[in-house]
Amino acid sequence: MAKIVIVDDSRLARTFTASCLRKLGHEVEVTEPTSIFDVVKVLREIRPDLLIMDFLMPNCPGTSLAKVVGDDSDLKGMRTIVLTAHHDEDVVARLQDLGVAEVLFKPADPEALGRAVAEALATRT
């Protein structure tokens, strides 16, 4: 299965998402964001197939992180899914323009999460 990194400032959200993905057989690493640069460092070290990240995190805004990750040549081919409680179609469109594979709204349904992960992994380059 896939190697997935979860970045979320909520311990509950990290634990729930990781549990759902481990039940599907994925290898999961979780990290609490301290800065965009720390997240990118972790991603470069782990080299995951997929990043699942929260949108609203202190010191690590979702659109900024998505842009930095998308522009990083060391992370080419890694797909990104954003989980957010922020229901704003302009934000969703902006994230998709940045290359985010899927935006799911919290609380994420485990089946919807599983489908989004499968679709994102199927479209890896």
PDB file of N, CA and C in Angstrom:
ATOM      1  N   MET A   1       0.827  -1.185   0.000  1.00  0.00           N
ATOM      2  CA  MET A   1       0.000   0.000   0.000  1.00  0.00           C
ATOM      3  C   MET A   1       0.873   1.251   0.000  1.00  0.00           C
ATOM      4  N   ALA A   2       0.255   2.386   0.175  1.00  0.00           N
ATOM      5  CA  ALA A   2       0.943   3.667   0.032  1.00  0.00           C
ATOM      6  C   ALA A   2       1.538   4.159   1.344  1.00  0.00           C
ATOM      7  N   LYS A   3       2.539   5.023   1.196  1.00  0.00           N
ATOM      8  CA  LYS A   3       3.130   5.728   2.323  1.00  0.00           C
ATOM      9  C   LYS A   3       2.471   7.109   2.362  1.00  0.00           C
ATOM     10  N   ILE A   4       1.846   7.437   3.503  1.00  0.00           N
ATOM     11  CA  ILE A   4       1.062   8.664   3.630  1.00  0.00           C
ATOM     12  C   ILE A   4       1.526   9.454   4.854  1.00  0.00           C
ATOM     13  N   VAL A   5       1.655  10.768   4.682  1.00  0.00           N
ATOM     14  CA  VAL A   5       1.958  11.664   5.799  1.00  0.00           C
ATOM     15  C   VAL A   5       0.722  12.516   6.071  1.00  0.00           C
ATOM     16  N   ILE A   6       0.355  12.609   7.345  1.00  0.00           N
ATOM     17  CA  ILE A   6      -0.770  13.440   7.782  1.00  0.00           C
ATOM     18  C   ILE A   6      -0.211  14.626   8.555  1.00  0.00           C
ATOM     19  N   VAL A   7      -0.618  15.834   8.156  1.00  0.00           N
ATOM     20  CA  VAL A   7      -0.203  17.062   8.835  1.00  0.00           C
ATOM     21  C   VAL A   7      -1.467  17.776   9.301  1.00  0.00           C
ATOM     22  N   ASP A   8      -1.627  17.872  10.612  1.00  0.00           N
ATOM     23  CA  ASP A   8      -2.811  18.523  11.173  1.00  0.00           C
ATOM     24  C   ASP A   8      -2.459  19.004  12.569  1.00  0.00           C
ATOM     25  N   ASP A   9      -2.927  20.178  12.939  1.00  0.00           N
ATOM     26  CA  ASP A   9      -2.649  20.694  14.275  1.00  0.00           C
ATOM     27  C   ASP A   9      -3.561  20.089  15.334  1.00  0.00           C
ATOM     28  N   SER A  10      -4.585  19.366  14.920  1.00  0.00           N
ATOM     29  CA  SER A  10      -5.508  18.720  15.854  1.00  0.00           C
ATOM     30  C   SER A  10      -5.097  17.263  16.077  1.00  0.00           C
ATOM     31  N   ARG A  11      -4.753  16.935  17.316  1.00  0.00           N
ATOM     32  CA  ARG A  11      -4.372  15.554  17.627  1.00  0.00           C
ATOM     33  C   ARG A  11      -5.514  14.593  17.326  1.00  0.00           C
ATOM     34  N   LEU A  12      -6.741  14.995  17.649  1.00  0.00           N
ATOM     35  CA  LEU A  12      -7.902  14.149  17.383  1.00  0.00           C
ATOM     36  C   LEU A  12      -8.039  13.870  15.885  1.00  0.00           C
ATOM     37  N   ALA A  13      -7.908  14.893  15.059  1.00  0.00           N
ATOM     38  CA  ALA A  13      -8.018  14.715  13.606  1.00  0.00           C
ATOM     39  C   ALA A  13      -6.894  13.835  13.076  1.00  0.00           C
ATOM     40  N   ARG A  14      -5.667  14.040  13.565  1.00  0.00           N
ATOM     41  CA  ARG A  14      -4.535  13.205  13.128  1.00  0.00           C
ATOM     42  C   ARG A  14      -4.783  11.748  13.473  1.00  0.00           C
ATOM     43  N   THR A  15      -5.226  11.511  14.700  1.00  0.00           N
ATOM     44  CA  THR A  15      -5.451  10.141  15.162  1.00  0.00           C
ATOM     45  C   THR A  15      -6.563   9.463  14.375  1.00  0.00           C
ATOM     46  N   PHE A  16      -7.673  10.162  14.171  1.00  0.00           N
ATOM     47  CA  PHE A  16      -8.805   9.603  13.427  1.00  0.00           C
ATOM     48  C   PHE A  16      -8.412   9.283  11.988  1.00  0.00           C
ATOM     49  N   THR A  17      -7.775  10.236  11.314  1.00  0.00           N
ATOM     50  CA  THR A  17      -7.395  10.040   9.917  1.00  0.00           C
ATOM     51  C   THR A  17      -6.391   8.901   9.793  1.00  0.00           C
ATOM     52  N   ALA A  18      -5.407   8.869  10.671  1.00  0.00           N
ATOM     53  CA  ALA A  18      -4.405   7.802  10.639  1.00  0.00           C
ATOM     54  C   ALA A  18      -5.047   6.440  10.855  1.00  0.00           C
ATOM     55  N   SER A  19      -5.976   6.355  11.792  1.00  0.00           N
ATOM     56  CA  SER A  19      -6.664   5.091  12.060  1.00  0.00           C
ATOM     57  C   SER A  19      -7.421   4.605  10.829  1.00  0.00           C
ATOM     58  N   CYS A  20      -8.140   5.505  10.178  1.00  0.00           N
ATOM     59  CA  CYS A  20      -8.887   5.141   8.961  1.00  0.00           C
ATOM     60  C   CYS A  20      -7.952   4.596   7.893  1.00  0.00           C
ATOM     61  N   LEU A  21      -6.821   5.256   7.709  1.00  0.00           N
ATOM     62  CA  LEU A  21      -5.896   4.866   6.642  1.00  0.00           C
ATOM     63  C   LEU A  21      -5.138   3.588   6.970  1.00  0.00           C
ATOM     64  N   ARG A  22      -4.803   3.397   8.234  1.00  0.00           N
ATOM     65  CA  ARG A  22      -4.121   2.153   8.627  1.00  0.00           C
ATOM     66  C   ARG A  22      -5.048   0.955   8.451  1.00  0.00           C
ATOM     67  N   LYS A  23      -6.339   1.139   8.699  1.00  0.00           N
ATOM     68  CA  LYS A  23      -7.304   0.055   8.478  1.00  0.00           C
ATOM     69  C   LYS A  23      -7.364  -0.348   7.010  1.00  0.00           C
ATOM     70  N   LEU A  24      -7.014   0.589   6.124  1.00  0.00           N
ATOM     71  CA  LEU A  24      -6.984   0.297   4.687  1.00  0.00           C
ATOM     72  C   LEU A  24      -5.634  -0.273   4.252  1.00  0.00           C
ATOM     73  N   GLY A  25      -4.717  -0.429   5.210  1.00  0.00           N
ATOM     74  CA  GLY A  25      -3.434  -1.048   4.913  1.00  0.00           C
ATOM     75  C   GLY A  25      -2.307  -0.098   4.555  1.00  0.00           C
ATOM     76  N   HIS A  26      -2.527   1.192   4.710  1.00  0.00           N
ATOM     77  CA  HIS A  26      -1.492   2.161   4.349  1.00  0.00           C
ATOM     78  C   HIS A  26      -0.490   2.345   5.485  1.00  0.00           C
ATOM     79  N   GLU A  27       0.729   2.703   5.111  1.00  0.00           N
ATOM     80  CA  GLU A  27       1.766   3.075   6.068  1.00  0.00           C
ATOM     81  C   GLU A  27       1.594   4.569   6.338  1.00  0.00           C
ATOM     82  N   VAL A  28       1.388   4.931   7.593  1.00  0.00           N
ATOM     83  CA  VAL A  28       1.019   6.312   7.921  1.00  0.00           C
ATOM     84  C   VAL A  28       2.008   6.911   8.918  1.00  0.00           C
ATOM     85  N   GLU A  29       2.449   8.126   8.618  1.00  0.00           N
ATOM     86  CA  GLU A  29       3.241   8.943   9.537  1.00  0.00           C
ATOM     87  C   GLU A  29       2.416  10.184   9.848  1.00  0.00           C
ATOM     88  N   VAL A  30       2.420  10.610  11.098  1.00  0.00           N
ATOM     89  CA  VAL A  30       1.686  11.823  11.465  1.00  0.00           C
ATOM     90  C   VAL A  30       2.667  12.856  12.000  1.00  0.00           C
ATOM     91  N   THR A  31       2.363  14.116  11.729  1.00  0.00           N
ATOM     92  CA  THR A  31       3.203  15.187  12.244  1.00  0.00           C
ATOM     93  C   THR A  31       2.340  16.392  12.573  1.00  0.00           C
ATOM     94  N   GLU A  32       2.740  17.068  13.630  1.00  0.00           N
ATOM     95  CA  GLU A  32       2.069  18.315  14.001  1.00  0.00           C
ATOM     96  C   GLU A  32       2.878  19.454  13.390  1.00  0.00           C
ATOM     97  N   PRO A  33       2.237  20.335  12.644  1.00  0.00           N
ATOM     98  CA  PRO A  33       2.987  21.371  11.943  1.00  0.00           C
ATOM     99  C   PRO A  33       3.516  22.449  12.889  1.00  0.00           C
ATOM    100  N   THR A  34       4.796  22.768  12.742  1.00  0.00           N
ATOM    101  CA  THR A  34       5.353  23.897  13.471  1.00  0.00           C
ATOM    102  C   THR A  34       5.661  25.039  12.508  1.00  0.00           C
ATOM    103  N   SER A  35       5.967  24.680  11.261  1.00  0.00           N
ATOM    104  CA  SER A  35       6.187  25.674  10.207  1.00  0.00           C
ATOM    105  C   SER A  35       6.128  24.959   8.860  1.00  0.00           C
ATOM    106  N   ILE A  36       5.958  25.722   7.809  1.00  0.00           N
ATOM    107  CA  ILE A  36       5.956  25.140   6.465  1.00  0.00           C
ATOM    108  C   ILE A  36       7.281  24.440   6.208  1.00  0.00           C
ATOM    109  N   PHE A  37       8.370  25.063   6.606  1.00  0.00           N
ATOM    110  CA  PHE A  37       9.685  24.504   6.327  1.00  0.00           C
ATOM    111  C   PHE A  37       9.914  23.191   7.065  1.00  0.00           C
ATOM    112  N   ASP A  38       9.412  23.077   8.293  1.00  0.00           N
ATOM    113  CA  ASP A  38       9.523  21.813   9.024  1.00  0.00           C
ATOM    114  C   ASP A  38       8.717  20.715   8.338  1.00  0.00           C
ATOM    115  N   VAL A  39       7.540  21.053   7.839  1.00  0.00           N
ATOM    116  CA  VAL A  39       6.718  20.067   7.134  1.00  0.00           C
ATOM    117  C   VAL A  39       7.430  19.605   5.867  1.00  0.00           C
ATOM    118  N   VAL A  40       7.977  20.534   5.110  1.00  0.00           N
ATOM    119  CA  VAL A  40       8.690  20.171   3.876  1.00  0.00           C
ATOM    120  C   VAL A  40       9.896  19.291   4.203  1.00  0.00           C
ATOM    121  N   LYS A  41      10.595  19.585   5.282  1.00  0.00           N
ATOM    122  CA  LYS A  41      11.737  18.760   5.698  1.00  0.00           C
ATOM    123  C   LYS A  41      11.287  17.323   5.969  1.00  0.00           C
ATOM    124  N   VAL A  42      10.190  17.170   6.697  1.00  0.00           N
ATOM    125  CA  VAL A  42       9.651  15.833   6.975  1.00  0.00           C
ATOM    126  C   VAL A  42       9.275  15.127   5.673  1.00  0.00           C
ATOM    127  N   LEU A  43       8.617  15.845   4.771  1.00  0.00           N
ATOM    128  CA  LEU A  43       8.200  15.240   3.505  1.00  0.00           C
ATOM    129  C   LEU A  43       9.398  14.803   2.673  1.00  0.00           C
ATOM    130  N   ARG A  44      10.457  15.589   2.662  1.00  0.00           N
ATOM    131  CA  ARG A  44      11.662  15.215   1.910  1.00  0.00           C
ATOM    132  C   ARG A  44      12.329  13.984   2.516  1.00  0.00           C
ATOM    133  N   GLU A  45      12.287  13.869   3.841  1.00  0.00           N
ATOM    134  CA  GLU A  45      12.891  12.711   4.509  1.00  0.00           C
ATOM    135  C   GLU A  45      12.082  11.441   4.271  1.00  0.00           C
ATOM    136  N   ILE A  46      10.770  11.531   4.379  1.00  0.00           N
ATOM    137  CA  ILE A  46       9.907  10.348   4.290  1.00  0.00           C
ATOM    138  C   ILE A  46       9.593   9.976   2.849  1.00  0.00           C
ATOM    139  N   ARG A  47       9.479  10.958   1.971  1.00  0.00           N
ATOM    140  CA  ARG A  47       9.129  10.739   0.557  1.00  0.00           C
ATOM    141  C   ARG A  47       7.814   9.965   0.418  1.00  0.00           C
ATOM    142  N   PRO A  48       6.730  10.532   0.940  1.00  0.00           N
ATOM    143  CA  PRO A  48       5.447   9.817   0.877  1.00  0.00           C
ATOM    144  C   PRO A  48       4.842   9.845  -0.525  1.00  0.00           C
ATOM    145  N   ASP A  49       3.906   8.942  -0.729  1.00  0.00           N
ATOM    146  CA  ASP A  49       3.119   8.937  -1.959  1.00  0.00           C
ATOM    147  C   ASP A  49       2.033  10.002  -1.888  1.00  0.00           C
ATOM    148  N   LEU A  50       1.596  10.301  -0.663  1.00  0.00           N
ATOM    149  CA  LEU A  50       0.449  11.182  -0.468  1.00  0.00           C
ATOM    150  C   LEU A  50       0.613  11.999   0.808  1.00  0.00           C
ATOM    151  N   LEU A  51       0.243  13.269   0.723  1.00  0.00           N
ATOM    152  CA  LEU A  51       0.168  14.160   1.881  1.00  0.00           C
ATOM    153  C   LEU A  51      -1.297  14.459   2.140  1.00  0.00           C
ATOM    154  N   ILE A  52      -1.725  14.268   3.376  1.00  0.00           N
ATOM    155  CA  ILE A  52      -3.063  14.685   3.790  1.00  0.00           C
ATOM    156  C   ILE A  52      -2.861  15.770   4.834  1.00  0.00           C
ATOM    157  N   MET A  53      -3.389  16.959   4.534  1.00  0.00           N
ATOM    158  CA  MET A  53      -3.117  18.101   5.403  1.00  0.00           C
ATOM    159  C   MET A  53      -4.379  18.871   5.736  1.00  0.00           C
ATOM    160  N   ASP A  54      -4.357  19.474   6.907  1.00  0.00           N
ATOM    161  CA  ASP A  54      -5.412  20.391   7.318  1.00  0.00           C
ATOM    162  C   ASP A  54      -5.217  21.703   6.560  1.00  0.00           C
ATOM    163  N   PHE A  55      -6.280  22.483   6.448  1.00  0.00           N
ATOM    164  CA  PHE A  55      -6.181  23.768   5.762  1.00  0.00           C
ATOM    165  C   PHE A  55      -5.813  24.898   6.720  1.00  0.00           C
ATOM    166  N   LEU A  56      -6.474  24.950   7.867  1.00  0.00           N
ATOM    167  CA  LEU A  56      -6.233  26.032   8.829  1.00  0.00           C
ATOM    168  C   LEU A  56      -5.347  25.536   9.963  1.00  0.00           C
ATOM    169  N   MET A  57      -4.052  25.888   9.878  1.00  0.00           N
ATOM    170  CA  MET A  57      -3.096  25.493  10.904  1.00  0.00           C
ATOM    171  C   MET A  57      -2.246  26.708  11.261  1.00  0.00           C
ATOM    172  N   PRO A  58      -1.962  26.896  12.549  1.00  0.00           N
ATOM    173  CA  PRO A  58      -1.102  28.013  12.935  1.00  0.00           C
ATOM    174  C   PRO A  58       0.293  27.849  12.324  1.00  0.00           C
ATOM    175  N   ASN A  59       0.857  28.925  11.850  1.00  0.00           N
ATOM    176  CA  ASN A  59       2.209  28.947  11.277  1.00  0.00           C
ATOM    177  C   ASN A  59       2.373  28.101  10.018  1.00  0.00           C
ATOM    178  N   CYS A  60       1.272  27.609   9.472  1.00  0.00           N
ATOM    179  CA  CYS A  60       1.364  26.710   8.323  1.00  0.00           C
ATOM    180  C   CYS A  60       0.073  26.783   7.509  1.00  0.00           C
ATOM    181  N   PRO A  61      -0.215  27.938   6.892  1.00  0.00           N
ATOM    182  CA  PRO A  61      -1.470  28.087   6.148  1.00  0.00           C
ATOM    183  C   PRO A  61      -1.567  27.095   4.989  1.00  0.00           C
ATOM    184  N   GLY A  62      -2.753  26.566   4.788  1.00  0.00           N
ATOM    185  CA  GLY A  62      -2.963  25.521   3.789  1.00  0.00           C
ATOM    186  C   GLY A  62      -2.578  25.904   2.381  1.00  0.00           C
ATOM    187  N   THR A  63      -2.977  27.092   1.932  1.00  0.00           N
ATOM    188  CA  THR A  63      -2.634  27.468   0.555  1.00  0.00           C
ATOM    189  C   THR A  63      -1.132  27.667   0.409  1.00  0.00           C
ATOM    190  N   SER A  64      -0.487  28.211   1.411  1.00  0.00           N
ATOM    191  CA  SER A  64       0.970  28.398   1.349  1.00  0.00           C
ATOM    192  C   SER A  64       1.687  27.056   1.327  1.00  0.00           C
ATOM    193  N   LEU A  65       1.269  26.140   2.191  1.00  0.00           N
ATOM    194  CA  LEU A  65       1.895  24.819   2.211  1.00  0.00           C
ATOM    195  C   LEU A  65       1.664  24.093   0.890  1.00  0.00           C
ATOM    196  N   ALA A  66       0.449  24.151   0.363  1.00  0.00           N
ATOM    197  CA  ALA A  66       0.156  23.488  -0.916  1.00  0.00           C
ATOM    198  C   ALA A  66       1.029  24.053  -2.032  1.00  0.00           C
ATOM    199  N   LYS A  67       1.238  25.361  -2.044  1.00  0.00           N
ATOM    200  CA  LYS A  67       2.074  25.980  -3.079  1.00  0.00           C
ATOM    201  C   LYS A  67       3.527  25.552  -2.941  1.00  0.00           C
ATOM    202  N   VAL A  68       4.063  25.616  -1.732  1.00  0.00           N
ATOM    203  CA  VAL A  68       5.463  25.242  -1.506  1.00  0.00           C
ATOM    204  C   VAL A  68       5.688  23.777  -1.882  1.00  0.00           C
ATOM    205  N   VAL A  69       4.794  22.912  -1.458  1.00  0.00           N
ATOM    206  CA  VAL A  69       4.913  21.485  -1.775  1.00  0.00           C
ATOM    207  C   VAL A  69       4.815  21.264  -3.282  1.00  0.00           C
ATOM    208  N   GLY A  70       3.858  21.926  -3.919  1.00  0.00           N
ATOM    209  CA  GLY A  70       3.679  21.762  -5.357  1.00  0.00           C
ATOM    210  C   GLY A  70       4.853  22.258  -6.173  1.00  0.00           C
ATOM    211  N   ASP A  71       5.558  23.272  -5.661  1.00  0.00           N
ATOM    212  CA  ASP A  71       6.699  23.848  -6.375  1.00  0.00           C
ATOM    213  C   ASP A  71       8.018  23.142  -6.076  1.00  0.00           C
ATOM    214  N   ASP A  72       8.027  22.241  -5.106  1.00  0.00           N
ATOM    215  CA  ASP A  72       9.269  21.589  -4.677  1.00  0.00           C
ATOM    216  C   ASP A  72       9.599  20.421  -5.600  1.00  0.00           C
ATOM    217  N   SER A  73      10.698  20.528  -6.329  1.00  0.00           N
ATOM    218  CA  SER A  73      11.061  19.476  -7.288  1.00  0.00           C
ATOM    219  C   SER A  73      11.365  18.146  -6.602  1.00  0.00           C
ATOM    220  N   ASP A  74      11.773  18.171  -5.336  1.00  0.00           N
ATOM    221  CA  ASP A  74      12.034  16.924  -4.607  1.00  0.00           C
ATOM    222  C   ASP A  74      10.754  16.165  -4.274  1.00  0.00           C
ATOM    223  N   LEU A  75       9.613  16.835  -4.378  1.00  0.00           N
ATOM    224  CA  LEU A  75       8.343  16.206  -3.999  1.00  0.00           C
ATOM    225  C   LEU A  75       7.440  15.949  -5.202  1.00  0.00           C
ATOM    226  N   LYS A  76       7.984  16.022  -6.396  1.00  0.00           N
ATOM    227  CA  LYS A  76       7.183  15.773  -7.603  1.00  0.00           C
ATOM    228  C   LYS A  76       6.586  14.370  -7.540  1.00  0.00           C
ATOM    229  N   GLY A  77       5.369  14.251  -7.947  1.00  0.00           N
ATOM    230  CA  GLY A  77       4.687  12.956  -7.947  1.00  0.00           C
ATOM    231  C   GLY A  77       3.880  12.698  -6.689  1.00  0.00           C
ATOM    232  N   MET A  78       4.198  13.415  -5.606  1.00  0.00           N
ATOM    233  CA  MET A  78       3.421  13.254  -4.379  1.00  0.00           C
ATOM    234  C   MET A  78       2.091  13.978  -4.567  1.00  0.00           C
ATOM    235  N   ARG A  79       1.017  13.332  -4.224  1.00  0.00           N
ATOM    236  CA  ARG A  79      -0.316  13.929  -4.319  1.00  0.00           C
ATOM    237  C   ARG A  79      -0.689  14.516  -2.962  1.00  0.00           C
ATOM    238  N   THR A  80      -1.642  15.454  -2.973  1.00  0.00           N
ATOM    239  CA  THR A  80      -2.073  16.124  -1.746  1.00  0.00           C
ATOM    240  C   THR A  80      -3.593  16.129  -1.644  1.00  0.00           C
ATOM    241  N   ILE A  81      -4.080  15.804  -0.457  1.00  0.00           N
ATOM    242  CA  ILE A  81      -5.495  15.930  -0.113  1.00  0.00           C
ATOM    243  C   ILE A  81      -5.577  16.902   1.057  1.00  0.00           C
ATOM    244  N   VAL A  82      -6.516  17.841   0.981  1.00  0.00           N
ATOM    245  CA  VAL A  82      -6.715  18.803   2.064  1.00  0.00           C
ATOM    246  C   VAL A  82      -8.013  18.469   2.793  1.00  0.00           C
ATOM    247  N   LEU A  83      -7.924  18.416   4.112  1.00  0.00           N
ATOM    248  CA  LEU A  83      -9.099  18.263   4.975  1.00  0.00           C
ATOM    249  C   LEU A  83      -9.357  19.615   5.627  1.00  0.00           C
ATOM    250  N   THR A  84     -10.599  20.062   5.591  1.00  0.00           N
ATOM    251  CA  THR A  84     -10.891  21.368   6.170  1.00  0.00           C
ATOM    252  C   THR A  84     -12.322  21.457   6.677  1.00  0.00           C
ATOM    253  N   ALA A  85     -12.508  22.272   7.685  1.00  0.00           N
ATOM    254  CA  ALA A  85     -13.855  22.600   8.156  1.00  0.00           C
ATOM    255  C   ALA A  85     -14.301  23.919   7.536  1.00  0.00           C
ATOM    256  N   HIS A  86     -13.444  24.503   6.724  1.00  0.00           N
ATOM    257  CA  HIS A  86     -13.663  25.810   6.100  1.00  0.00           C
ATOM    258  C   HIS A  86     -14.382  25.618   4.765  1.00  0.00           C
ATOM    259  N   HIS A  87     -15.691  25.806   4.755  1.00  0.00           N
ATOM    260  CA  HIS A  87     -16.508  25.604   3.551  1.00  0.00           C
ATOM    261  C   HIS A  87     -16.517  26.882   2.712  1.00  0.00           C
ATOM    262  N   ASP A  88     -15.572  26.993   1.802  1.00  0.00           N
ATOM    263  CA  ASP A  88     -15.464  28.170   0.947  1.00  0.00           C
ATOM    264  C   ASP A  88     -15.045  27.710  -0.446  1.00  0.00           C
ATOM    265  N   GLU A  89     -15.936  27.863  -1.413  1.00  0.00           N
ATOM    266  CA  GLU A  89     -15.665  27.380  -2.771  1.00  0.00           C
ATOM    267  C   GLU A  89     -14.486  28.098  -3.421  1.00  0.00           C
ATOM    268  N   ASP A  90     -14.248  29.361  -3.061  1.00  0.00           N
ATOM    269  CA  ASP A  90     -13.079  30.069  -3.597  1.00  0.00           C
ATOM    270  C   ASP A  90     -11.785  29.427  -3.105  1.00  0.00           C
ATOM    271  N   VAL A  91     -11.772  29.020  -1.843  1.00  0.00           N
ATOM    272  CA  VAL A  91     -10.604  28.349  -1.282  1.00  0.00           C
ATOM    273  C   VAL A  91     -10.403  27.006  -1.972  1.00  0.00           C
ATOM    274  N   VAL A  92     -11.478  26.262  -2.159  1.00  0.00           N
ATOM    275  CA  VAL A  92     -11.388  24.965  -2.843  1.00  0.00           C
ATOM    276  C   VAL A  92     -10.813  25.156  -4.244  1.00  0.00           C
ATOM    277  N   ALA A  93     -11.317  26.136  -4.979  1.00  0.00           N
ATOM    278  CA  ALA A  93     -10.826  26.398  -6.339  1.00  0.00           C
ATOM    279  C   ALA A  93      -9.348  26.784  -6.323  1.00  0.00           C
ATOM    280  N   ARG A  94      -8.959  27.611  -5.359  1.00  0.00           N
ATOM    281  CA  ARG A  94      -7.553  28.020  -5.263  1.00  0.00           C
ATOM    282  C   ARG A  94      -6.653  26.822  -4.971  1.00  0.00           C
ATOM    283  N   LEU A  95      -7.090  25.940  -4.064  1.00  0.00           N
ATOM    284  CA  LEU A  95      -6.308  24.745  -3.748  1.00  0.00           C
ATOM    285  C   LEU A  95      -6.193  23.831  -4.966  1.00  0.00           C
ATOM    286  N   GLN A  96      -7.274  23.663  -5.700  1.00  0.00           N
ATOM    287  CA  GLN A  96      -7.228  22.836  -6.902  1.00  0.00           C
ATOM    288  C   GLN A  96      -6.301  23.446  -7.942  1.00  0.00           C
ATOM    289  N   ASP A  97      -6.291  24.768  -8.061  1.00  0.00           N
ATOM    290  CA  ASP A  97      -5.360  25.438  -8.975  1.00  0.00           C
ATOM    291  C   ASP A  97      -3.907  25.189  -8.578  1.00  0.00           C
ATOM    292  N   LEU A  98      -3.677  24.963  -7.297  1.00  0.00           N
ATOM    293  CA  LEU A  98      -2.331  24.677  -6.802  1.00  0.00           C
ATOM    294  C   LEU A  98      -1.957  23.203  -6.944  1.00  0.00           C
ATOM    295  N   GLY A  99      -2.863  22.397  -7.489  1.00  0.00           N
ATOM    296  CA  GLY A  99      -2.552  20.993  -7.736  1.00  0.00           C
ATOM    297  C   GLY A  99      -3.045  20.020  -6.690  1.00  0.00           C
ATOM    298  N   VAL A 100      -3.827  20.493  -5.725  1.00  0.00           N
ATOM    299  CA  VAL A 100      -4.380  19.596  -4.707  1.00  0.00           C
ATOM    300  C   VAL A 100      -5.348  18.624  -5.377  1.00  0.00           C
ATOM    301  N   ALA A 101      -5.183  17.342  -5.075  1.00  0.00           N
ATOM    302  CA  ALA A 101      -6.003  16.310  -5.719  1.00  0.00           C
ATOM    303  C   ALA A 101      -7.457  16.358  -5.272  1.00  0.00           C
ATOM    304  N   GLU A 102      -7.677  16.633  -3.990  1.00  0.00           N
ATOM    305  CA  GLU A 102      -9.041  16.587  -3.445  1.00  0.00           C
ATOM    306  C   GLU A 102      -9.113  17.464  -2.207  1.00  0.00           C
ATOM    307  N   VAL A 103     -10.265  18.070  -1.995  1.00  0.00           N
ATOM    308  CA  VAL A 103     -10.549  18.806  -0.764  1.00  0.00           C
ATOM    309  C   VAL A 103     -11.756  18.136  -0.127  1.00  0.00           C
ATOM    310  N   LEU A 104     -11.578  17.651   1.100  1.00  0.00           N
ATOM    311  CA  LEU A 104     -12.661  17.003   1.843  1.00  0.00           C
ATOM    312  C   LEU A 104     -12.997  17.861   3.055  1.00  0.00           C
ATOM    313  N   PHE A 105     -14.273  17.898   3.379  1.00  0.00           N
ATOM    314  CA  PHE A 105     -14.707  18.700   4.516  1.00  0.00           C
ATOM    315  C   PHE A 105     -14.789  17.851   5.779  1.00  0.00           C
ATOM    316  N   LYS A 106     -14.309  18.425   6.889  1.00  0.00           N
ATOM    317  CA  LYS A 106     -14.346  17.753   8.187  1.00  0.00           C
ATOM    318  C   LYS A 106     -15.749  17.819   8.753  1.00  0.00           C
ATOM    319  N   PRO A 107     -16.151  16.824   9.490  1.00  0.00           N
ATOM    320  CA  PRO A 107     -15.408  15.593   9.713  1.00  0.00           C
ATOM    321  C   PRO A 107     -15.483  14.699   8.478  1.00  0.00           C
ATOM    322  N   ALA A 108     -14.351  14.175   8.082  1.00  0.00           N
ATOM    323  CA  ALA A 108     -14.286  13.355   6.874  1.00  0.00           C
ATOM    324  C   ALA A 108     -14.888  11.980   7.137  1.00  0.00           C
ATOM    325  N   ASP A 109     -15.767  11.576   6.266  1.00  0.00           N
ATOM    326  CA  ASP A 109     -16.342  10.240   6.309  1.00  0.00           C
ATOM    327  C   ASP A 109     -15.249   9.245   5.905  1.00  0.00           C
ATOM    328  N   PRO A 110     -15.046   8.161   6.671  1.00  0.00           N
ATOM    329  CA  PRO A 110     -13.987   7.207   6.338  1.00  0.00           C
ATOM    330  C   PRO A 110     -14.084   6.650   4.915  1.00  0.00           C
ATOM    331  N   GLU A 111     -15.293   6.396   4.434  1.00  0.00           N
ATOM    332  CA  GLU A 111     -15.440   5.872   3.073  1.00  0.00           C
ATOM    333  C   GLU A 111     -15.050   6.922   2.042  1.00  0.00           C
ATOM    334  N   ALA A 112     -15.455   8.164   2.245  1.00  0.00           N
ATOM    335  CA  ALA A 112     -15.080   9.245   1.323  1.00  0.00           C
ATOM    336  C   ALA A 112     -13.570   9.462   1.351  1.00  0.00           C
ATOM    337  N   LEU A 113     -12.979   9.375   2.526  1.00  0.00           N
ATOM    338  CA  LEU A 113     -11.533   9.507   2.652  1.00  0.00           C
ATOM    339  C   LEU A 113     -10.833   8.386   1.891  1.00  0.00           C
ATOM    340  N   GLY A 114     -11.306   7.162   2.068  1.00  0.00           N
ATOM    341  CA  GLY A 114     -10.718   6.024   1.356  1.00  0.00           C
ATOM    342  C   GLY A 114     -10.803   6.179  -0.151  1.00  0.00           C
ATOM    343  N   ARG A 115     -11.963   6.641  -0.638  1.00  0.00           N
ATOM    344  CA  ARG A 115     -12.126   6.866  -2.087  1.00  0.00           C
ATOM    345  C   ARG A 115     -11.185   7.959  -2.583  1.00  0.00           C
ATOM    346  N   ALA A 116     -11.099   9.050  -1.834  1.00  0.00           N
ATOM    347  CA  ALA A 116     -10.232  10.160  -2.240  1.00  0.00           C
ATOM    348  C   ALA A 116      -8.768   9.726  -2.281  1.00  0.00           C
ATOM    349  N   VAL A 117      -8.357   8.940  -1.304  1.00  0.00           N
ATOM    350  CA  VAL A 117      -6.983   8.433  -1.274  1.00  0.00           C
ATOM    351  C   VAL A 117      -6.728   7.536  -2.481  1.00  0.00           C
ATOM    352  N   ALA A 118      -7.646   6.618  -2.754  1.00  0.00           N
ATOM    353  CA  ALA A 118      -7.477   5.713  -3.899  1.00  0.00           C
ATOM    354  C   ALA A 118      -7.388   6.493  -5.208  1.00  0.00           C
ATOM    355  N   GLU A 119      -8.243   7.491  -5.371  1.00  0.00           N
ATOM    356  CA  GLU A 119      -8.228   8.298  -6.602  1.00  0.00           C
ATOM    357  C   GLU A 119      -6.944   9.115  -6.717  1.00  0.00           C
ATOM    358  N   ALA A 120      -6.507   9.704  -5.616  1.00  0.00           N
ATOM    359  CA  ALA A 120      -5.276  10.500  -5.647  1.00  0.00           C
ATOM    360  C   ALA A 120      -4.072   9.626  -5.986  1.00  0.00           C
ATOM    361  N   LEU A 121      -4.017   8.444  -5.399  1.00  0.00           N
ATOM    362  CA  LEU A 121      -2.894   7.547  -5.666  1.00  0.00           C
ATOM    363  C   LEU A 121      -2.917   7.029  -7.100  1.00  0.00           C
ATOM    364  N   ALA A 122      -4.108   6.835  -7.643  1.00  0.00           N
ATOM    365  CA  ALA A 122      -4.237   6.336  -9.018  1.00  0.00           C
ATOM    366  C   ALA A 122      -3.758   7.364 -10.036  1.00  0.00           C
ATOM    367  N   THR A 123      -3.733   8.635  -9.649  1.00  0.00           N
ATOM    368  CA  THR A 123      -3.335   9.684 -10.590  1.00  0.00           C
ATOM    369  C   THR A 123      -1.927  10.206 -10.319  1.00  0.00           C
ATOM    370  N   ARG A 124      -1.152   9.478  -9.524  1.00  0.00           N
ATOM    371  CA  ARG A 124       0.238   9.901  -9.268  1.00  0.00           C
ATOM    372  C   ARG A 124       1.031   9.870 -10.559  1.00  0.00           C
ATOM    373  N   THR A 125       1.937  10.823 -10.684  1.00  0.00           N
ATOM    374  CA  THR A 125       2.798  10.858 -11.874  1.00  0.00           C
ATOM    375  C   THR A 125       4.189  10.394 -11.552  1.00  0.00           C
TER     376      THR A 125
END
